[in-house]
Amino acid sequence: MQAEIIAVGSELLTSQRLDTNSLYLTDELNALGVEVVTKCVIGDDRSRLAEAVRRAAGSARIILITGGLGPTEDDVTRDAVAQALDRPLQFHSAISDQLEERFRQMGRKMAEVNKRQAFIIEGAEILPNDRGTAPGQWIDHSGASIVLLPGPPHELKAMFTRQCLSRLESRVPRQVIRTLVMRVAGMPESDLDQLIAPVYKKYENPVTTILAAASDIQVHLRARCDTEKEALALLAEVAGPIEGLLGDRIYSRNGDPLEVVVGQLLREAHATLSVAESCTGGLLAERITSVPGSSDYFEGGFITYTKRMKTDLLGVSEAVLAAAGAVSKETAEAMAIGARARTGSTHALAITGVAGPGTGGETVPVGTVYAGLADDNGSRVAHRQFLGDRARIRQFTTQMAMDLLRLRLLGL
């Protein structure tokens, strides 16, 4: 069974407001075995919304419409859905009375405009809203279930849980959807797809999706089956060969980000970490300390943007800086060694580079970065030339540094 979600509200078409309701509803529907095939955002326009509802009703069995149930003129959902289904709106005096009583309990007189929330589409089941003033509506129409839900998240979640889940469970064929997420570091998206496509292309179920971010690729496998056991077995059947091809490039098999994985490895090894950063300006330390409990293994760090600070705080020799430059293998190595010596940490990571957009020059172009690692086994340095803007280069660099440590902790 397939579903569509329509979010209503012109504010959702701006950069100031995100549609988080659809994420919640997708999770709930997936847990029932329902696949969400379309999501859209429609502004406060009756005609556009009516057309979207007509289209959705012709292609999906479940249509969830969020928002636009308030009392003002720009709350158009009731009118638009009634127009799309060619059904009249009917005034329910009992709902109006309940609204007046609610306002009375709050010590306020209800404005006349609030009576608009008492109009219900003909044939709809009323979904009570104990968190707000706008009731929801459930309409069965030509084999589709069309559900009108309030926009405020706390109202929507309560109404969906209490009023909609049991209705859906009784109508949805028993299926489960399970997802496996593998996260990969240090590999371009095109190279990864070329490598694993011969495996996943054999299957229509599970569905494979590859998502790429800064130096981080996610391989999502989504299986839909009659039972959880069948879904998990199918995921394992496809994931096994993919894991064999990607090997230690996979750093997470449950969706955890790299900073969580590295933290777990440090904790298991009873090891500690310190950092020294130049071009990333504290971003590496921020990612590491964003993980709850990171004080178990993180000692602290240094932000050394200038040559003088590299010398004064980390002990990088002026001779190294003069001969190799601030952005070099030698400086990254010396920074890591210095950070470890000054904190007594088991491991130390250091970053130096040119994040841009200015400076760099011909000898050290923008995007040139080095990550150094120092521990009891000595030191090693990774070097990359990243493309992109300043934020992207900095994100790539922190990912590279943490993956360098991950591989060391795994003995690779």
Protein backbone atom coordinates (compact mmCIF):
# COMPACT_ATOMS: atom_id res chain seq x y z
CA MET A 1 0.00 0.00 0.00
CA GLN A 2 1.28 3.44 -0.95
CA ALA A 3 0.80 6.84 0.66
CA GLU A 4 1.24 10.50 -0.23
CA ILE A 5 1.79 13.39 2.16
CA ILE A 6 0.72 16.93 1.35
CA ALA A 7 1.97 19.71 3.63
CA VAL A 8 -0.07 22.92 3.42
CA GLY A 9 1.22 26.39 4.23
CA SER A 10 2.94 29.19 2.35
CA GLU A 11 5.41 29.51 5.24
CA LEU A 12 6.77 26.06 4.34
CA LEU A 13 7.84 27.43 0.97
CA THR A 14 10.20 29.89 2.64
CA SER A 15 13.62 29.32 4.20
CA GLN A 16 12.32 30.06 7.70
CA ARG A 17 10.15 26.98 8.28
CA LEU A 18 10.82 23.26 7.73
CA ASP A 19 8.20 20.57 7.18
CA THR A 20 9.11 18.18 10.00
CA ASN A 21 5.62 16.64 10.15
CA SER A 22 6.20 14.63 6.99
CA LEU A 23 9.32 13.03 8.52
CA TYR A 24 7.33 11.88 11.54
CA LEU A 25 4.46 10.58 9.43
CA THR A 26 6.84 8.74 7.10
CA ASP A 27 8.38 6.89 10.05
CA GLU A 28 4.93 5.93 11.36
CA LEU A 29 3.70 4.76 7.95
CA ASN A 30 6.88 2.79 7.26
CA ALA A 31 6.43 1.00 10.59
CA LEU A 32 3.05 -0.17 9.25
CA GLY A 33 4.59 -1.36 5.99
CA VAL A 34 3.26 1.60 4.01
CA GLU A 35 5.59 3.18 1.45
CA VAL A 36 5.46 6.96 1.07
CA VAL A 37 5.83 7.54 -2.67
CA THR A 38 5.24 11.30 -2.88
CA LYS A 39 5.60 14.32 -0.63
CA CYS A 40 4.72 17.85 -1.67
CA VAL A 41 4.30 21.30 -0.15
CA ILE A 42 1.44 23.50 -1.35
CA GLY A 43 1.04 27.14 -0.38
CA ASP A 44 -2.22 28.64 0.85
CA ASP A 45 -3.91 28.34 -2.53
CA ARG A 46 -7.28 26.57 -2.80
CA SER A 47 -7.05 25.72 -6.48
CA ARG A 48 -3.52 24.29 -6.32
CA LEU A 49 -4.31 22.28 -3.22
CA ALA A 50 -7.56 20.94 -4.71
CA GLU A 51 -5.66 19.82 -7.81
CA ALA A 52 -2.97 18.14 -5.66
CA VAL A 53 -5.64 16.25 -3.69
CA ARG A 54 -7.40 15.09 -6.87
CA ARG A 55 -4.12 13.82 -8.29
CA ALA A 56 -3.14 12.06 -5.06
CA ALA A 57 -6.54 10.39 -4.69
CA GLY A 58 -6.06 8.85 -8.11
CA SER A 59 -2.71 7.25 -7.34
CA ALA A 60 -2.43 6.46 -3.60
CA ARG A 61 -4.56 4.61 -1.08
CA ILE A 62 -3.60 6.87 1.84
CA ILE A 63 -3.33 10.67 1.59
CA LEU A 64 -2.26 12.60 4.67
CA ILE A 65 -2.76 16.39 4.51
CA THR A 66 -1.15 18.48 7.22
CA GLY A 67 -1.88 22.08 8.15
CA GLY A 68 -4.34 24.68 6.94
CA LEU A 69 -7.11 23.80 9.41
CA GLY A 70 -7.00 27.03 11.43
CA PRO A 71 -9.68 29.73 11.59
CA THR A 72 -8.22 32.39 9.28
CA GLU A 73 -8.77 33.08 5.60
CA ASP A 74 -5.43 31.58 4.61
CA ASP A 75 -6.39 28.22 6.17
CA VAL A 76 -7.70 26.68 2.97
CA THR A 77 -7.46 22.92 3.51
CA ARG A 78 -11.13 22.24 4.34
CA ASP A 79 -12.39 24.24 1.36
CA ALA A 80 -9.83 22.80 -1.07
CA VAL A 81 -10.43 19.16 -0.12
CA ALA A 82 -14.21 19.65 -0.30
CA GLN A 83 -13.72 21.16 -3.76
CA ALA A 84 -11.46 18.30 -4.88
CA LEU A 85 -13.92 15.61 -3.74
CA ASP A 86 -17.00 17.57 -4.89
CA ARG A 87 -18.52 17.37 -1.43
CA PRO A 88 -20.16 20.19 0.55
CA LEU A 89 -18.98 21.54 3.88
CA GLN A 90 -21.43 21.13 6.76
CA PHE A 91 -21.50 23.26 9.91
CA HIS A 92 -21.46 21.25 13.18
CA SER A 93 -22.90 23.29 16.02
CA ALA A 94 -21.61 20.75 18.57
CA ILE A 95 -18.02 21.47 17.48
CA SER A 96 -18.67 25.21 17.64
CA ASP A 97 -20.06 24.84 21.17
CA GLN A 98 -17.01 22.83 22.23
CA LEU A 99 -14.71 25.52 20.84
CA GLU A 100 -16.60 28.24 22.73
CA GLU A 101 -16.31 26.22 25.94
CA ARG A 102 -12.60 25.75 25.39
CA PHE A 103 -12.10 29.50 25.04
CA ARG A 104 -14.32 30.13 28.06
CA GLN A 105 -12.10 27.84 30.17
CA MET A 106 -9.11 29.91 29.10
CA GLY A 107 -10.94 33.06 30.19
CA ARG A 108 -11.36 34.34 26.64
CA LYS A 109 -14.26 35.08 24.33
CA MET A 110 -14.12 33.12 21.08
CA ALA A 111 -13.83 35.24 17.95
CA GLU A 112 -16.48 34.67 15.32
CA VAL A 113 -13.86 33.53 12.84
CA ASN A 114 -13.15 30.41 14.93
CA LYS A 115 -16.48 28.99 13.83
CA ARG A 116 -14.84 28.18 10.49
CA GLN A 117 -13.21 25.24 12.28
CA ALA A 118 -16.65 23.72 12.86
CA PHE A 119 -17.18 23.05 9.14
CA ILE A 120 -16.76 19.39 8.28
CA ILE A 121 -16.65 17.82 4.81
CA GLU A 122 -19.75 15.74 4.12
CA GLY A 123 -19.20 12.11 5.07
CA ALA A 124 -16.01 12.75 7.05
CA GLU A 125 -15.32 11.22 10.44
CA ILE A 126 -14.36 13.87 12.97
CA LEU A 127 -10.98 13.39 14.65
CA PRO A 128 -11.02 15.12 18.06
CA ASN A 129 -8.12 17.43 18.88
CA ASP A 130 -7.45 17.63 22.62
CA ARG A 131 -4.26 19.68 22.05
CA GLY A 132 -5.76 22.48 19.95
CA THR A 133 -8.90 23.94 18.40
CA ALA A 134 -8.88 22.42 14.91
CA PRO A 135 -10.50 18.98 14.62
CA GLY A 136 -9.08 16.58 12.06
CA GLN A 137 -11.11 14.74 9.47
CA TRP A 138 -10.99 11.24 7.98
CA ILE A 139 -12.65 10.73 4.61
CA ASP A 140 -12.99 7.47 2.68
CA HIS A 141 -13.35 8.33 -0.99
CA SER A 142 -13.21 5.99 -4.00
CA GLY A 143 -10.94 3.47 -2.29
CA ALA A 144 -8.62 6.09 -0.78
CA SER A 145 -8.40 7.29 2.81
CA ILE A 146 -7.89 11.05 2.97
CA VAL A 147 -6.86 12.39 6.37
CA LEU A 148 -6.78 16.07 7.37
CA LEU A 149 -4.39 16.73 10.25
CA PRO A 150 -3.49 19.96 12.10
CA GLY A 151 -0.17 21.64 11.38
CA PRO A 152 1.31 22.19 14.87
CA PRO A 153 3.51 19.11 15.48
CA HIS A 154 2.32 18.45 19.05
CA GLU A 155 -1.29 18.47 17.85
CA LEU A 156 -0.57 16.34 14.79
CA LYS A 157 1.40 13.67 16.66
CA ALA A 158 -1.23 13.29 19.37
CA MET A 159 -4.06 13.07 16.84
CA PHE A 160 -2.25 10.63 14.60
CA THR A 161 -1.31 8.34 17.48
CA ARG A 162 -4.72 8.35 19.14
CA GLN A 163 -7.08 8.68 16.20
CA CYS A 164 -5.36 7.37 13.07
CA LEU A 165 -3.02 4.49 13.89
CA SER A 166 -5.70 1.99 14.85
CA ARG A 167 -7.75 2.88 11.75
CA LEU A 168 -4.72 2.38 9.51
CA GLU A 169 -3.71 -0.88 11.19
CA SER A 170 -7.14 -2.33 10.44
CA ARG A 171 -6.89 -1.40 6.75
CA VAL A 172 -3.25 -1.92 5.87
CA PRO A 173 -2.10 -5.41 4.81
CA ARG A 174 0.38 -6.77 7.31
CA GLN A 175 3.82 -5.90 5.99
CA VAL A 176 7.02 -4.57 7.43
CA ILE A 177 9.64 -2.20 6.03
CA ARG A 178 13.14 -2.46 7.40
CA THR A 179 16.17 -0.38 6.47
CA LEU A 180 19.89 -1.07 6.68
CA VAL A 181 22.28 1.89 6.41
CA MET A 182 25.96 1.46 5.61
CA ARG A 183 28.16 4.56 5.84
CA VAL A 184 31.36 4.74 3.83
CA ALA A 185 34.37 7.08 4.11
CA GLY A 186 37.18 7.94 1.74
CA MET A 187 35.51 6.92 -1.52
CA PRO A 188 33.88 8.98 -4.30
CA GLU A 189 30.19 8.31 -4.94
CA SER A 190 30.70 7.35 -8.58
CA ASP A 191 33.44 4.84 -7.72
CA LEU A 192 31.27 3.28 -5.03
CA ASP A 193 28.25 2.96 -7.31
CA GLN A 194 30.32 1.40 -10.07
CA LEU A 195 31.64 -1.14 -7.60
CA ILE A 196 28.39 -2.23 -5.94
CA ALA A 197 25.82 -1.70 -8.73
CA PRO A 198 26.23 -5.25 -10.10
CA VAL A 199 25.00 -6.49 -6.71
CA TYR A 200 22.03 -4.26 -5.97
CA LYS A 201 20.73 -4.08 -9.55
CA LYS A 202 19.74 -7.74 -9.28
CA TYR A 203 17.03 -6.78 -6.78
CA GLU A 204 13.86 -4.71 -6.96
CA ASN A 205 13.31 -5.51 -3.29
CA PRO A 206 15.18 -4.26 -1.33
CA VAL A 207 15.45 -0.84 -2.94
CA THR A 208 18.94 0.66 -2.88
CA THR A 209 19.57 4.39 -2.48
CA ILE A 210 23.01 6.03 -2.42
CA LEU A 211 23.29 9.39 -0.64
CA ALA A 212 26.45 11.48 -0.77
CA ALA A 213 27.60 14.23 1.60
CA ALA A 214 31.00 15.76 2.35
CA SER A 215 33.36 12.76 2.34
CA ASP A 216 30.55 10.54 3.60
CA ILE A 217 28.43 8.20 1.50
CA GLN A 218 25.40 6.33 2.78
CA VAL A 219 24.07 3.16 1.18
CA HIS A 220 20.44 2.62 2.18
CA LEU A 221 18.79 -0.75 1.64
CA ARG A 222 14.98 -0.81 2.21
CA ALA A 223 13.23 -4.17 2.25
CA ARG A 224 9.46 -4.67 2.31
CA CYS A 225 8.26 -8.14 3.33
CA ASP A 226 5.41 -9.92 5.10
CA THR A 227 7.46 -10.47 8.25
CA GLU A 228 10.40 -8.84 9.97
CA LYS A 229 12.36 -12.08 9.73
CA GLU A 230 11.98 -12.13 5.94
CA ALA A 231 12.94 -8.46 5.65
CA LEU A 232 16.08 -8.87 7.75
CA ALA A 233 17.08 -11.99 5.81
CA LEU A 234 16.67 -10.16 2.50
CA LEU A 235 18.73 -7.20 3.74
CA ALA A 236 21.49 -9.57 4.84
CA GLU A 237 21.40 -11.32 1.46
CA VAL A 238 22.11 -8.06 -0.38
CA ALA A 239 24.32 -6.40 2.23
CA GLY A 240 26.73 -9.36 2.46
CA PRO A 241 28.21 -9.04 -1.05
CA ILE A 242 28.25 -5.22 -0.79
CA GLU A 243 30.20 -5.42 2.46
CA GLY A 244 32.60 -7.84 0.82
CA LEU A 245 33.30 -5.34 -1.95
CA LEU A 246 33.63 -2.26 0.26
CA GLY A 247 35.53 -3.89 3.11
CA ASP A 248 36.98 -1.56 5.74
CA ARG A 249 35.71 1.50 3.87
CA ILE A 250 32.43 0.84 5.68
CA TYR A 251 32.65 2.52 9.04
CA SER A 252 29.05 2.11 10.23
CA ARG A 253 26.32 -0.44 9.62
CA ASN A 254 23.63 1.16 11.74
CA GLY A 255 23.71 4.73 10.48
CA ASP A 256 25.98 6.12 13.21
CA PRO A 257 28.20 9.04 12.10
CA LEU A 258 31.96 8.70 12.15
CA GLU A 259 32.42 10.66 15.39
CA VAL A 260 30.22 8.14 17.21
CA VAL A 261 32.08 5.18 15.73
CA VAL A 262 35.50 6.62 16.61
CA GLY A 263 34.30 7.39 20.14
CA GLN A 264 33.17 3.80 20.62
CA LEU A 265 36.52 2.48 19.41
CA LEU A 266 38.41 4.81 21.74
CA ARG A 267 36.26 3.76 24.69
CA GLU A 268 36.70 0.06 23.91
CA ALA A 269 40.46 0.54 23.71
CA HIS A 270 40.51 2.60 26.94
CA ALA A 271 42.32 5.21 24.87
CA THR A 272 42.24 9.02 24.87
CA LEU A 273 42.42 11.64 22.15
CA SER A 274 43.60 15.22 21.75
CA VAL A 275 43.48 17.42 18.65
CA ALA A 276 45.34 20.33 17.10
CA GLU A 277 43.58 22.30 14.37
CA SER A 278 44.50 25.05 11.98
CA CYS A 279 42.21 25.42 8.94
CA THR A 280 39.25 23.67 10.61
CA GLY A 281 39.28 26.08 13.54
CA GLY A 282 37.76 23.74 16.14
CA LEU A 283 35.32 21.86 13.88
CA LEU A 284 37.04 18.53 14.57
CA ALA A 285 36.80 19.03 18.34
CA GLU A 286 33.17 20.13 17.96
CA ARG A 287 32.25 16.94 16.11
CA ILE A 288 34.03 14.76 18.65
CA THR A 289 32.45 16.49 21.65
CA SER A 290 28.96 16.47 20.09
CA VAL A 291 28.78 12.82 21.18
CA PRO A 292 27.37 12.34 24.70
CA GLY A 293 29.98 10.87 27.03
CA SER A 294 32.92 12.06 24.93
CA SER A 295 34.63 13.26 28.11
CA ASP A 296 35.47 9.59 28.69
CA TYR A 297 38.09 9.74 25.95
CA PHE A 298 38.58 13.33 24.76
CA GLU A 299 41.34 15.28 26.53
CA GLY A 300 41.10 18.61 24.72
CA GLY A 301 42.61 20.50 21.84
CA PHE A 302 44.49 23.43 20.38
CA ILE A 303 43.47 25.90 17.69
CA THR A 304 46.73 27.15 16.22
CA TYR A 305 46.02 29.33 13.23
CA THR A 306 49.33 31.14 13.01
CA LYS A 307 52.88 29.86 12.77
CA ARG A 308 53.70 31.49 16.10
CA MET A 309 50.89 29.62 17.86
CA LYS A 310 52.01 26.35 16.29
CA THR A 311 55.45 26.95 17.74
CA ASP A 312 54.43 28.36 21.12
CA LEU A 313 51.61 25.89 21.92
CA LEU A 314 52.64 22.74 20.07
CA GLY A 315 56.39 23.03 19.81
CA VAL A 316 56.50 22.92 16.01
CA SER A 317 60.01 24.07 15.19
CA GLU A 318 60.56 27.27 13.25
CA ALA A 319 62.94 25.31 11.04
CA VAL A 320 60.14 22.92 9.96
CA LEU A 321 57.78 25.81 9.30
CA ALA A 322 60.39 27.66 7.30
CA ALA A 323 61.48 24.68 5.23
CA ALA A 324 58.17 22.87 4.66
CA GLY A 325 55.59 25.57 5.30
CA ALA A 326 52.59 25.72 7.61
CA VAL A 327 50.55 23.56 5.22
CA SER A 328 52.69 20.45 4.85
CA LYS A 329 53.13 16.84 5.84
CA GLU A 330 55.95 17.79 8.19
CA THR A 331 53.90 20.42 10.02
CA ALA A 332 50.85 18.18 10.39
CA GLU A 333 53.04 15.46 11.87
CA ALA A 334 54.77 17.89 14.25
CA MET A 335 51.44 19.33 15.37
CA ALA A 336 50.08 15.87 16.22
CA ILE A 337 53.24 14.92 18.11
CA GLY A 338 53.14 18.21 20.01
CA ALA A 339 49.47 17.88 20.96
CA ARG A 340 50.04 14.38 22.27
CA ALA A 341 53.11 15.40 24.27
CA ARG A 342 51.30 18.30 25.92
CA THR A 343 48.11 16.43 26.84
CA GLY A 344 49.40 12.93 27.52
CA SER A 345 46.69 11.47 25.28
CA THR A 346 46.98 8.03 23.72
CA HIS A 347 46.30 9.45 20.26
CA ALA A 348 46.49 12.94 18.79
CA LEU A 349 45.05 14.23 15.52
CA ALA A 350 46.25 17.37 13.79
CA ILE A 351 44.90 19.29 10.80
CA THR A 352 46.48 21.95 8.65
CA GLY A 353 45.47 23.17 5.22
CA VAL A 354 43.96 25.88 3.02
CA ALA A 355 40.17 25.98 3.21
CA GLY A 356 39.85 29.05 0.99
CA PRO A 357 38.44 30.85 -0.75
CA GLY A 358 41.46 33.17 -0.64
CA THR A 359 45.22 32.59 -0.44
CA GLY A 360 46.71 29.25 -1.29
CA GLY A 361 48.69 30.20 -4.37
CA GLU A 362 50.31 27.96 -6.95
CA THR A 363 52.43 25.92 -4.53
CA VAL A 364 49.61 25.32 -2.02
CA PRO A 365 46.28 25.57 -3.85
CA VAL A 366 42.94 25.97 -2.07
CA GLY A 367 41.67 22.62 -0.84
CA THR A 368 45.12 21.28 0.08
CA VAL A 369 44.85 19.63 3.50
CA TYR A 370 46.92 17.37 5.73
CA ALA A 371 45.80 15.29 8.71
CA GLY A 372 48.44 13.96 11.09
CA LEU A 373 48.11 11.19 13.66
CA ALA A 374 50.53 10.43 16.50
CA ASP A 375 50.47 7.59 19.03
CA ASP A 376 52.72 4.87 20.47
CA ASN A 377 53.06 3.30 17.02
CA GLY A 378 54.59 6.45 15.59
CA SER A 379 52.98 8.94 13.25
CA ARG A 380 51.27 8.95 9.90
CA VAL A 381 49.87 11.71 7.69
CA ALA A 382 47.05 11.74 5.14
CA HIS A 383 47.05 14.30 2.33
CA ARG A 384 44.14 15.26 0.07
CA GLN A 385 43.22 17.93 -2.43
CA PHE A 386 39.52 18.67 -1.92
CA LEU A 387 37.24 20.69 -4.17
CA GLY A 388 34.37 22.85 -2.97
CA ASP A 389 33.66 25.87 -0.84
CA ARG A 390 35.20 26.61 2.55
CA ALA A 391 32.55 24.78 4.58
CA ARG A 392 32.73 21.69 2.38
CA ILE A 393 36.53 21.51 2.49
CA ARG A 394 36.53 21.83 6.27
CA GLN A 395 33.93 19.07 6.62
CA PHE A 396 35.84 16.79 4.24
CA THR A 397 39.01 17.38 6.26
CA THR A 398 37.53 16.48 9.64
CA GLN A 399 36.07 13.32 8.12
CA MET A 400 39.46 12.40 6.68
CA ALA A 401 41.17 12.94 10.04
CA MET A 402 38.69 10.84 12.00
CA ASP A 403 38.85 8.04 9.44
CA LEU A 404 42.63 8.06 9.77
CA LEU A 405 42.19 7.43 13.49
CA ARG A 406 39.46 4.83 12.94
CA LEU A 407 41.73 2.74 10.72
CA ARG A 408 44.57 2.99 13.26
CA LEU A 409 42.25 1.85 16.07
CA LEU A 410 41.21 -1.13 13.93
CA GLY A 411 44.87 -2.01 13.38
CA LEU A 412 44.73 -1.19 9.67
